[in-house]
Amino acid sequence: MTWKREANQTVIHSDIWDTDGDSFFEVSSHGDSCRVDTGSQGLDPGASIEVFQMSGLQCVPTLREGKRDGCFVFDMALKVTHSSDCGSPNRPNCPPPIKPSVA
């Protein structure tokens, strides 16, 4: 996984090397954060992105149309709020993974 800063954004590049590999990263701001998993689910192989924990920061990935340089591209909308907190024993249910169609 690599990252770089561009104008008003940070770009994270995650490679999938096999059918069940994953990379993880955390987005944080002033003590609020969300944790993100990119990779492939072994039982249902294919690229996916999943926000598996939100604590004060709502992170909503959105798949862009088409591919760029053979890669799927996602945008991540961020909002400071505790209304979407998940991934803890008290609020375990985070949104399901997003899996782009390869067709």
C-alpha atoms as a PDB file:
ATOM      1  CA  MET A   1       0.000   0.000   0.000  1.00  0.00           C
ATOM      2  CA  THR A   2       1.295   3.451  -0.886  1.00  0.00           C
ATOM      3  CA  TRP A   3      -0.064   6.941  -0.361  1.00  0.00           C
ATOM      4  CA  LYS A   4       0.699  10.410  -1.663  1.00  0.00           C
ATOM      5  CA  ARG A   5      -0.709  13.879  -1.217  1.00  0.00           C
ATOM      6  CA  GLU A   6      -2.230  15.716  -4.165  1.00  0.00           C
ATOM      7  CA  ALA A   7      -4.125  19.012  -4.303  1.00  0.00           C
ATOM      8  CA  ASN A   8      -6.785  18.854  -1.548  1.00  0.00           C
ATOM      9  CA  GLN A   9      -6.669  15.061  -1.324  1.00  0.00           C
ATOM     10  CA  THR A  10      -4.623  12.089  -0.232  1.00  0.00           C
ATOM     11  CA  VAL A  11      -4.387   9.182  -2.670  1.00  0.00           C
ATOM     12  CA  ILE A  12      -4.011   5.659  -1.274  1.00  0.00           C
ATOM     13  CA  HIS A  13      -3.029   2.857  -3.645  1.00  0.00           C
ATOM     14  CA  SER A  14      -3.741  -0.686  -2.464  1.00  0.00           C
ATOM     15  CA  ASP A  15      -2.646  -3.742  -4.453  1.00  0.00           C
ATOM     16  CA  ILE A  16      -4.371  -7.130  -4.338  1.00  0.00           C
ATOM     17  CA  TRP A  17      -1.851  -9.950  -4.650  1.00  0.00           C
ATOM     18  CA  ASP A  18      -4.117 -12.986  -4.162  1.00  0.00           C
ATOM     19  CA  THR A  19      -7.760 -13.964  -3.557  1.00  0.00           C
ATOM     20  CA  ASP A  20      -7.854 -13.265   0.181  1.00  0.00           C
ATOM     21  CA  GLY A  21      -5.273 -10.553   0.858  1.00  0.00           C
ATOM     22  CA  ASP A  22      -6.093  -7.312   2.653  1.00  0.00           C
ATOM     23  CA  SER A  23      -4.547  -3.937   3.393  1.00  0.00           C
ATOM     24  CA  PHE A  24      -5.772  -1.672   6.151  1.00  0.00           C
ATOM     25  CA  PHE A  25      -5.546   2.050   6.750  1.00  0.00           C
ATOM     26  CA  GLU A  26      -6.976   4.580   9.178  1.00  0.00           C
ATOM     27  CA  VAL A  27      -8.342   8.039   8.438  1.00  0.00           C
ATOM     28  CA  SER A  28      -8.222  10.342  11.463  1.00  0.00           C
ATOM     29  CA  SER A  29      -8.851  13.945  12.394  1.00  0.00           C
ATOM     30  CA  HIS A  30      -8.617  15.472  15.875  1.00  0.00           C
ATOM     31  CA  GLY A  31      -9.170  12.150  17.677  1.00  0.00           C
ATOM     32  CA  ASP A  32     -12.036  10.959  15.440  1.00  0.00           C
ATOM     33  CA  SER A  33     -11.322   8.129  13.004  1.00  0.00           C
ATOM     34  CA  CYS A  34     -12.446   5.356  10.712  1.00  0.00           C
ATOM     35  CA  ARG A  35     -10.642   2.183   9.723  1.00  0.00           C
ATOM     36  CA  VAL A  36     -10.769   0.809   6.198  1.00  0.00           C
ATOM     37  CA  ASP A  37     -10.008  -2.608   4.692  1.00  0.00           C
ATOM     38  CA  THR A  38      -9.145  -2.947   1.003  1.00  0.00           C
ATOM     39  CA  GLY A  39      -8.496  -6.275  -0.639  1.00  0.00           C
ATOM     40  CA  SER A  40     -10.285  -9.421  -1.677  1.00  0.00           C
ATOM     41  CA  GLN A  41     -12.640 -11.625   0.287  1.00  0.00           C
ATOM     42  CA  GLY A  42     -11.410 -15.217   0.014  1.00  0.00           C
ATOM     43  CA  LEU A  43     -14.847 -16.883  -0.089  1.00  0.00           C
ATOM     44  CA  ASP A  44     -16.043 -14.462  -2.778  1.00  0.00           C
ATOM     45  CA  PRO A  45     -12.826 -13.274  -4.525  1.00  0.00           C
ATOM     46  CA  GLY A  46     -12.662  -9.846  -6.089  1.00  0.00           C
ATOM     47  CA  ALA A  47     -11.680  -6.305  -5.189  1.00  0.00           C
ATOM     48  CA  SER A  48     -13.553  -4.767  -2.267  1.00  0.00           C
ATOM     49  CA  ILE A  49     -13.440  -1.860   0.170  1.00  0.00           C
ATOM     50  CA  GLU A  50     -15.000  -1.955   3.620  1.00  0.00           C
ATOM     51  CA  VAL A  51     -15.172   0.558   6.455  1.00  0.00           C
ATOM     52  CA  PHE A  52     -14.955  -1.756   9.474  1.00  0.00           C
ATOM     53  CA  GLN A  53     -14.821   0.816  12.276  1.00  0.00           C
ATOM     54  CA  MET A  54     -16.053   4.395  12.671  1.00  0.00           C
ATOM     55  CA  SER A  55     -15.518   6.425  15.821  1.00  0.00           C
ATOM     56  CA  GLY A  56     -16.623  10.056  15.471  1.00  0.00           C
ATOM     57  CA  LEU A  57     -15.819  10.148  11.767  1.00  0.00           C
ATOM     58  CA  GLN A  58     -18.315   8.886   9.189  1.00  0.00           C
ATOM     59  CA  CYS A  59     -16.452   7.507   6.161  1.00  0.00           C
ATOM     60  CA  VAL A  60     -18.482   6.623   3.081  1.00  0.00           C
ATOM     61  CA  PRO A  61     -16.632   5.123   0.100  1.00  0.00           C
ATOM     62  CA  THR A  62     -18.149   5.646  -3.349  1.00  0.00           C
ATOM     63  CA  LEU A  63     -17.000   3.792  -6.452  1.00  0.00           C
ATOM     64  CA  ARG A  64     -16.137   6.043  -9.400  1.00  0.00           C
ATOM     65  CA  GLU A  65     -17.327   4.966 -12.838  1.00  0.00           C
ATOM     66  CA  GLY A  66     -14.725   3.207 -14.989  1.00  0.00           C
ATOM     67  CA  LYS A  67     -11.143   2.436 -14.082  1.00  0.00           C
ATOM     68  CA  ARG A  68      -7.962   4.494 -14.007  1.00  0.00           C
ATOM     69  CA  ASP A  69      -4.797   2.737 -15.186  1.00  0.00           C
ATOM     70  CA  GLY A  70      -6.568  -0.620 -14.764  1.00  0.00           C
ATOM     71  CA  CYS A  71      -7.543   0.129 -11.151  1.00  0.00           C
ATOM     72  CA  PHE A  72     -10.880   0.654  -9.440  1.00  0.00           C
ATOM     73  CA  VAL A  73     -11.115   4.150  -7.951  1.00  0.00           C
ATOM     74  CA  PHE A  74     -13.088   5.106  -4.853  1.00  0.00           C
ATOM     75  CA  ASP A  75     -13.783   8.478  -3.282  1.00  0.00           C
ATOM     76  CA  MET A  76     -14.225   8.716   0.486  1.00  0.00           C
ATOM     77  CA  ALA A  77     -16.717  11.229   1.894  1.00  0.00           C
ATOM     78  CA  LEU A  78     -15.875  12.283   5.460  1.00  0.00           C
ATOM     79  CA  LYS A  79     -18.145  13.826   8.089  1.00  0.00           C
ATOM     80  CA  VAL A  80     -17.424  14.431  11.766  1.00  0.00           C
ATOM     81  CA  THR A  81     -20.329  12.762  13.613  1.00  0.00           C
ATOM     82  CA  HIS A  82     -20.941   9.964  16.089  1.00  0.00           C
ATOM     83  CA  SER A  83     -24.250   9.018  14.428  1.00  0.00           C
ATOM     84  CA  SER A  84     -22.545   6.334  12.288  1.00  0.00           C
ATOM     85  CA  ASP A  85     -20.173   4.891  14.894  1.00  0.00           C
ATOM     86  CA  CYS A  86     -19.716   1.145  14.411  1.00  0.00           C
ATOM     87  CA  GLY A  87     -17.237  -1.674  14.809  1.00  0.00           C
ATOM     88  CA  SER A  88     -17.326  -1.730  18.621  1.00  0.00           C
ATOM     89  CA  PRO A  89     -19.037  -4.183  20.985  1.00  0.00           C
ATOM     90  CA  ASN A  90     -21.830  -1.627  21.598  1.00  0.00           C
ATOM     91  CA  ARG A  91     -22.392  -0.856  17.887  1.00  0.00           C
ATOM     92  CA  PRO A  92     -20.961  -3.728  15.817  1.00  0.00           C
ATOM     93  CA  ASN A  93     -22.771  -3.313  12.490  1.00  0.00           C
ATOM     94  CA  CYS A  94     -20.790  -1.298   9.966  1.00  0.00           C
ATOM     95  CA  PRO A  95     -21.938  -0.975   6.330  1.00  0.00           C
ATOM     96  CA  PRO A  96     -21.261  -4.006   4.089  1.00  0.00           C
ATOM     97  CA  PRO A  97     -18.228  -4.055   1.776  1.00  0.00           C
ATOM     98  CA  ILE A  98     -18.461  -2.414  -1.638  1.00  0.00           C
ATOM     99  CA  LYS A  99     -17.402  -4.752  -4.415  1.00  0.00           C
ATOM    100  CA  PRO A 100     -17.122  -3.374  -7.961  1.00  0.00           C
ATOM    101  CA  SER A 101     -18.377  -5.385 -10.884  1.00  0.00           C
ATOM    102  CA  VAL A 102     -15.601  -6.621 -13.166  1.00  0.00           C
ATOM    103  CA  ALA A 103     -17.873  -6.875 -16.209  1.00  0.00           C
END
